[in-house]
Amino acid sequence: MNPYLDTHPEVAEAIRSGRSVVALERTIISHGMPYPQNVETALRVERVIRNNGAVPATIAVIGGRLKAGLTPEEIEYFGKKGRAIAKASRRDLAMLCARGEDGATTVTTTMIIAHMAGIRIFATGGIGGVHRGAQTTMDISADLEELAHTPVMVICAGAKSILDLGLTLEYLETHGVPVLGYQTKELPAFYTRHSGFGVDYQVNSPQELAQALKTQQDLGFPGGMLVTNPIPEEYSMPKDVIDAAIDQAIRECEEQGIHGKDTTPFLLARVAELTGGDSLASNIQLVLNNAKLAAQTAAAYCLL
């Protein structure tokens, strides 16, 4: 066991006994939503996972310790501090541990810590990807590299539509990452069910997802799998509305000189403002939807 890893007793017991566990990240709560909605959403997501037969393991870095499973008090702590806690990607983990600091885990670092703890399935909102204009900026999320190397299944609502979705899919294909659409042949685009881009395979049940993950692991492939689960129809935003808000937010981001790890939090917050809060409501619902599918898939995996 990694000397910097603290696994919550309930999570550790579930892993030892072969019960289903689902990992959850912190950045979507700390940086993606305001307080107290972030805490309320985090606790709702954990309840959804429990109600569907799995144990939640919310992941974070606290005081230089890698945490696989948080207490309600620790979730409240992260929610109140919000963006005062830095996002932690792969490049940050060693320094955060060395300095005894906090970090809000991204998709990348949640995958890393989940794998250390022995957790195979992870639910999030949307993954990072290739940013628009990456041909000149080289702004590509570390999430894509991690999916190529770390054997964790990531269940999300697709790539955030603030990204270049076509190049994101090309990057994943180049690195051999299977992109599975849950009951869809089209890549969902986070706030909306439609992007115009196709996925590698359509998969129609949690049992089929579980079998795909087990088969990939039995084959000895080193990387993960990406499952794209469309936001429920009733919460999906019209594509033209969300595209217009994203285009405006990107223009403002460029005008203000915002770049790097500050880009995504700015864009998500500005899109929420431009849509009158509709995007935040959609964000919450898609996370709950992904948590449900992840728990059902984890439960099915344990039966294989």
Foldseek 3Di string as FASTA:
>chain_A
DDPQEDEDPVRLVCLVVLFFEAEEFFLCLQQVDAPPVSLVLVVLLQVLLVVQGYGYFYWWQAQLHTYGRDDSVVSVVSRVCRVVAAADAPVRNVVCNVRRHIHGYALRVSLVNCVVSPHAEYEYAEHFAAAPPCVPVVDGDCNLVQQLAGAHEYEYQAHAPNGDRVVRLVSNVVSPAAEEEAQDQAGGHRLAGHDPHGGDYYDHALLRVLVVSVVCVVVVRRGYYYYRYHQPPVLRDPPVLLVVQSVVQVVVCVVVVPDDPVNVSSSSVSSCVSVVNSSVVSSSRRSSVRSNSRSNNSNSNSVD
